[in-house]
C-alpha atoms as a PDB file:
ATOM      1  CA  MET A   1     127.696 205.665 137.305  1.00  0.00           C
ATOM      2  CA  ARG A   2     130.488 204.877 134.883  1.00  0.00           C
ATOM      3  CA  ILE A   3     131.555 201.899 137.030  1.00  0.00           C
ATOM      4  CA  TYR A   4     128.059 200.392 136.852  1.00  0.00           C
ATOM      5  CA  ILE A   5     127.985 200.728 133.079  1.00  0.00           C
ATOM      6  CA  LEU A   6     131.424 199.136 132.716  1.00  0.00           C
ATOM      7  CA  ALA A   7     130.551 196.340 135.151  1.00  0.00           C
ATOM      8  CA  SER A   8     127.292 195.533 133.359  1.00  0.00           C
ATOM      9  CA  ALA A   9     129.027 195.643 129.963  1.00  0.00           C
ATOM     10  CA  PHE A  10     131.690 193.226 131.237  1.00  0.00           C
ATOM     11  CA  ILE A  11     129.080 190.820 132.650  1.00  0.00           C
ATOM     12  CA  PHE A  12     127.062 190.953 129.422  1.00  0.00           C
ATOM     13  CA  LEU A  13     130.203 190.260 127.368  1.00  0.00           C
ATOM     14  CA  ALA A  14     131.223 187.355 129.610  1.00  0.00           C
ATOM     15  CA  ILE A  15     127.781 185.741 129.351  1.00  0.00           C
ATOM     16  CA  SER A  16     127.497 186.159 125.583  1.00  0.00           C
ATOM     17  CA  CYS A  17     130.942 184.645 124.924  1.00  0.00           C
ATOM     18  CA  ALA A  18     130.415 181.574 127.108  1.00  0.00           C
ATOM     19  CA  GLN A  19     130.008 178.186 125.401  1.00  0.00           C
ATOM     20  CA  ARG A  20     126.426 177.094 125.136  1.00  0.00           C
ATOM     21  CA  THR A  21     125.472 173.867 126.864  1.00  0.00           C
ATOM     22  CA  THR A  22     122.495 171.738 125.973  1.00  0.00           C
ATOM     23  CA  THR A  23     120.877 168.410 126.797  1.00  0.00           C
ATOM     24  CA  PRO A  24     120.541 165.537 124.312  1.00  0.00           C
ATOM     25  CA  SER A  25     117.357 165.277 122.281  1.00  0.00           C
ATOM     26  CA  THR A  26     115.704 162.658 120.058  1.00  0.00           C
ATOM     27  CA  GLN A  27     113.122 163.437 117.358  1.00  0.00           C
ATOM     28  CA  LEU A  28     111.335 161.403 114.737  1.00  0.00           C
ATOM     29  CA  ILE A  29     111.851 162.904 111.275  1.00  0.00           C
ATOM     30  CA  SER A  30     110.179 160.529 108.780  1.00  0.00           C
ATOM     31  CA  ARG A  31     108.959 156.986 108.110  1.00  0.00           C
ATOM     32  CA  ASP A  32     109.709 154.915 105.037  1.00  0.00           C
ATOM     33  CA  THR A  33     107.292 152.344 103.607  1.00  0.00           C
ATOM     34  CA  GLN A  34     109.533 149.389 104.510  1.00  0.00           C
ATOM     35  CA  GLY A  35     109.394 150.057 108.266  1.00  0.00           C
ATOM     36  CA  LEU A  36     112.413 152.339 108.374  1.00  0.00           C
ATOM     37  CA  LEU A  37     112.332 155.344 110.684  1.00  0.00           C
ATOM     38  CA  THR A  38     114.624 158.334 110.253  1.00  0.00           C
ATOM     39  CA  ILE A  39     115.417 159.755 113.665  1.00  0.00           C
ATOM     40  CA  GLN A  40     117.620 162.685 114.578  1.00  0.00           C
ATOM     41  CA  ALA A  41     119.343 162.094 117.904  1.00  0.00           C
ATOM     42  CA  ASP A  42     122.114 163.619 119.989  1.00  0.00           C
ATOM     43  CA  GLY A  43     124.844 161.542 121.532  1.00  0.00           C
ATOM     44  CA  GLN A  44     127.381 162.395 124.211  1.00  0.00           C
ATOM     45  CA  GLY A  45     130.939 161.198 124.034  1.00  0.00           C
ATOM     46  CA  VAL A  46     134.581 162.089 124.096  1.00  0.00           C
ATOM     47  CA  SER A  47     134.997 160.939 120.484  1.00  0.00           C
ATOM     48  CA  ARG A  48     132.693 160.691 117.481  1.00  0.00           C
ATOM     49  CA  MET A  49     132.401 156.899 117.859  1.00  0.00           C
ATOM     50  CA  SER A  50     131.375 157.058 121.523  1.00  0.00           C
ATOM     51  CA  ALA A  51     128.858 159.818 120.746  1.00  0.00           C
ATOM     52  CA  GLU A  52     127.422 157.722 117.890  1.00  0.00           C
ATOM     53  CA  ARG A  53     127.091 154.684 120.190  1.00  0.00           C
ATOM     54  CA  ASP A  54     125.340 156.857 122.782  1.00  0.00           C
ATOM     55  CA  ALA A  55     122.946 158.260 120.147  1.00  0.00           C
ATOM     56  CA  LYS A  56     122.047 154.728 119.008  1.00  0.00           C
ATOM     57  CA  ARG A  57     121.414 153.532 122.549  1.00  0.00           C
ATOM     58  CA  ARG A  58     119.443 156.684 123.383  1.00  0.00           C
ATOM     59  CA  THR A  59     117.281 156.240 120.254  1.00  0.00           C
ATOM     60  CA  LEU A  60     116.345 152.627 120.987  1.00  0.00           C
ATOM     61  CA  ASN A  61     115.649 153.408 124.646  1.00  0.00           C
ATOM     62  CA  LYS A  62     113.389 156.277 123.588  1.00  0.00           C
ATOM     63  CA  LEU A  63     111.495 153.988 121.177  1.00  0.00           C
ATOM     64  CA  LEU A  64     111.170 151.301 123.849  1.00  0.00           C
ATOM     65  CA  PHE A  65     110.168 153.229 126.949  1.00  0.00           C
ATOM     66  CA  ASP A  66     108.808 156.633 125.833  1.00  0.00           C
ATOM     67  CA  GLY A  67     107.806 156.551 122.187  1.00  0.00           C
ATOM     68  CA  LEU A  68     108.480 159.363 119.738  1.00  0.00           C
ATOM     69  CA  PRO A  69     105.509 161.660 119.137  1.00  0.00           C
ATOM     70  CA  HIS A  70     104.974 162.931 115.617  1.00  0.00           C
ATOM     71  CA  PRO A  71     101.772 164.494 114.251  1.00  0.00           C
ATOM     72  CA  GLU A  72     101.704 162.375 111.063  1.00  0.00           C
ATOM     73  CA  ILE A  73     103.476 159.134 112.031  1.00  0.00           C
ATOM     74  CA  SER A  74     101.721 156.851 114.498  1.00  0.00           C
ATOM     75  CA  THR A  75     104.095 153.862 114.283  1.00  0.00           C
ATOM     76  CA  ALA A  76     106.415 154.860 117.104  1.00  0.00           C
ATOM     77  CA  ARG A  77     104.123 157.255 118.949  1.00  0.00           C
ATOM     78  CA  LEU A  78     103.481 154.925 121.898  1.00  0.00           C
ATOM     79  CA  PRO A  79     106.151 153.160 123.962  1.00  0.00           C
ATOM     80  CA  MET A  80     106.815 149.512 123.118  1.00  0.00           C
ATOM     81  CA  ILE A  81     107.460 148.435 126.719  1.00  0.00           C
ATOM     82  CA  ASP A  82     106.213 149.415 130.136  1.00  0.00           C
ATOM     83  CA  GLY A  83     109.552 149.475 131.959  1.00  0.00           C
ATOM     84  CA  SER A  84     108.023 148.918 135.378  1.00  0.00           C
ATOM     85  CA  LYS A  85     106.461 145.595 134.324  1.00  0.00           C
ATOM     86  CA  LEU A  86     109.605 143.955 132.910  1.00  0.00           C
ATOM     87  CA  SER A  87     110.689 140.741 134.579  1.00  0.00           C
ATOM     88  CA  SER A  88     114.354 140.124 135.320  1.00  0.00           C
ATOM     89  CA  GLY A  89     114.567 137.640 132.424  1.00  0.00           C
ATOM     90  CA  GLN A  90     113.066 140.153 129.989  1.00  0.00           C
ATOM     91  CA  ARG A  91     115.402 142.866 131.262  1.00  0.00           C
ATOM     92  CA  GLU A  92     118.393 140.539 130.781  1.00  0.00           C
ATOM     93  CA  LYS A  93     117.371 139.752 127.174  1.00  0.00           C
ATOM     94  CA  LEU A  94     116.826 143.449 126.503  1.00  0.00           C
ATOM     95  CA  ASP A  95     120.254 144.357 127.882  1.00  0.00           C
ATOM     96  CA  MET A  96     121.807 141.697 125.647  1.00  0.00           C
ATOM     97  CA  MET A  97     120.008 143.133 122.587  1.00  0.00           C
ATOM     98  CA  LEU A  98     121.190 146.664 123.412  1.00  0.00           C
ATOM     99  CA  SER A  99     124.821 145.650 123.922  1.00  0.00           C
ATOM    100  CA  ASP A 100     127.512 147.165 121.711  1.00  0.00           C
ATOM    101  CA  GLU A 101     127.839 144.004 119.589  1.00  0.00           C
ATOM    102  CA  GLN A 102     124.107 143.613 118.882  1.00  0.00           C
ATOM    103  CA  ILE A 103     122.884 147.205 118.557  1.00  0.00           C
ATOM    104  CA  ASP A 104     124.347 147.940 115.098  1.00  0.00           C
ATOM    105  CA  ARG A 105     122.111 145.488 113.253  1.00  0.00           C
ATOM    106  CA  PHE A 106     119.013 147.621 113.921  1.00  0.00           C
ATOM    107  CA  PHE A 107     120.496 150.631 112.091  1.00  0.00           C
ATOM    108  CA  ASN A 108     120.777 150.831 108.304  1.00  0.00           C
ATOM    109  CA  SER A 109     122.729 154.078 108.208  1.00  0.00           C
ATOM    110  CA  VAL A 110     124.114 156.729 110.506  1.00  0.00           C
ATOM    111  CA  THR A 111     124.918 160.220 109.248  1.00  0.00           C
ATOM    112  CA  TRP A 112     126.798 162.844 111.190  1.00  0.00           C
ATOM    113  CA  VAL A 113     124.520 165.899 110.923  1.00  0.00           C
ATOM    114  CA  ASP A 114     126.442 168.688 112.595  1.00  0.00           C
ATOM    115  CA  PRO A 115     130.248 168.387 112.500  1.00  0.00           C
ATOM    116  CA  LYS A 116     130.601 171.157 115.095  1.00  0.00           C
ATOM    117  CA  PRO A 117     129.932 169.556 118.490  1.00  0.00           C
ATOM    118  CA  LEU A 118     128.283 171.312 121.416  1.00  0.00           C
ATOM    119  CA  TRP A 119     129.688 170.961 124.916  1.00  0.00           C
ATOM    120  CA  THR A 120     127.635 169.356 127.650  1.00  0.00           C
ATOM    121  CA  ALA A 121     127.290 170.757 131.135  1.00  0.00           C
ATOM    122  CA  GLY A 122     130.220 168.707 132.480  1.00  0.00           C
ATOM    123  CA  MET A 123     132.482 169.930 129.647  1.00  0.00           C
ATOM    124  CA  ALA A 124     134.200 166.515 129.514  1.00  0.00           C
ATOM    125  CA  LYS A 125     131.983 165.149 126.734  1.00  0.00           C
ATOM    126  CA  LYS A 126     130.787 166.657 123.475  1.00  0.00           C
ATOM    127  CA  LEU A 127     127.216 166.562 122.263  1.00  0.00           C
ATOM    128  CA  GLN A 128     126.988 165.570 118.592  1.00  0.00           C
ATOM    129  CA  ARG A 129     123.899 165.238 116.385  1.00  0.00           C
ATOM    130  CA  PHE A 130     123.274 162.228 114.143  1.00  0.00           C
ATOM    131  CA  SER A 131     120.610 161.202 111.663  1.00  0.00           C
ATOM    132  CA  LEU A 132     119.844 157.523 112.253  1.00  0.00           C
ATOM    133  CA  ASN A 133     117.952 155.214 109.916  1.00  0.00           C
ATOM    134  CA  VAL A 134     116.365 152.613 112.241  1.00  0.00           C
ATOM    135  CA  ASN A 135     114.862 149.350 110.998  1.00  0.00           C
ATOM    136  CA  TYR A 136     111.822 149.531 113.281  1.00  0.00           C
ATOM    137  CA  ASP A 137     110.177 146.350 111.987  1.00  0.00           C
ATOM    138  CA  LEU A 138     113.312 144.264 112.576  1.00  0.00           C
ATOM    139  CA  PHE A 139     113.708 145.732 116.068  1.00  0.00           C
ATOM    140  CA  ARG A 140     110.087 144.985 116.961  1.00  0.00           C
ATOM    141  CA  ARG A 141     110.252 141.458 115.521  1.00  0.00           C
ATOM    142  CA  GLU A 142     113.450 140.713 117.478  1.00  0.00           C
ATOM    143  CA  LEU A 143     111.799 141.937 120.695  1.00  0.00           C
ATOM    144  CA  GLU A 144     108.863 139.608 119.997  1.00  0.00           C
ATOM    145  CA  ASN A 145     111.151 136.639 119.237  1.00  0.00           C
ATOM    146  CA  GLN A 146     113.125 137.190 122.448  1.00  0.00           C
ATOM    147  CA  GLY A 147     109.898 137.324 124.491  1.00  0.00           C
ATOM    148  CA  VAL A 148     110.428 140.906 125.644  1.00  0.00           C
ATOM    149  CA  ILE A 149     107.140 142.102 124.104  1.00  0.00           C
ATOM    150  CA  ARG A 150     104.055 140.330 122.798  1.00  0.00           C
ATOM    151  CA  LYS A 151     102.934 140.600 119.212  1.00  0.00           C
ATOM    152  CA  PHE A 152     100.273 143.194 120.057  1.00  0.00           C
ATOM    153  CA  GLY A 153     102.194 145.250 122.595  1.00  0.00           C
ATOM    154  CA  PHE A 154     103.268 144.859 126.227  1.00  0.00           C
END
């Protein structure tokens, strides 16, 4: 009986001391009157810069293809693009807009929310949380100018 108690105590201790792993998330926090959205997003990366780049890319992809539901903000609730209906030319323009050189212009500020990173399931990359201030109107206008979306949706 004593062996079972010791074994279960050891297993419980091993599980409780293990590092927690989690998957990245993206949530809409607030909307400003000038078309700015504050979004809290997780990014994966070996360094802070690579995690920030991943969070930016993840945020814009979420806005484009999924939308960000929020009970009081309807601006970004619906997706901007139906990914299955994109032509190869539209996809090429979109990839160019989401490249590392172009992506920064859609963000006004990036704040590192939690300085203590979480480990992802692979343990090679850290998961870090950022608060991103996205210029939604500029992003939408640029998509319209490039011919990726129409003025009234996809």
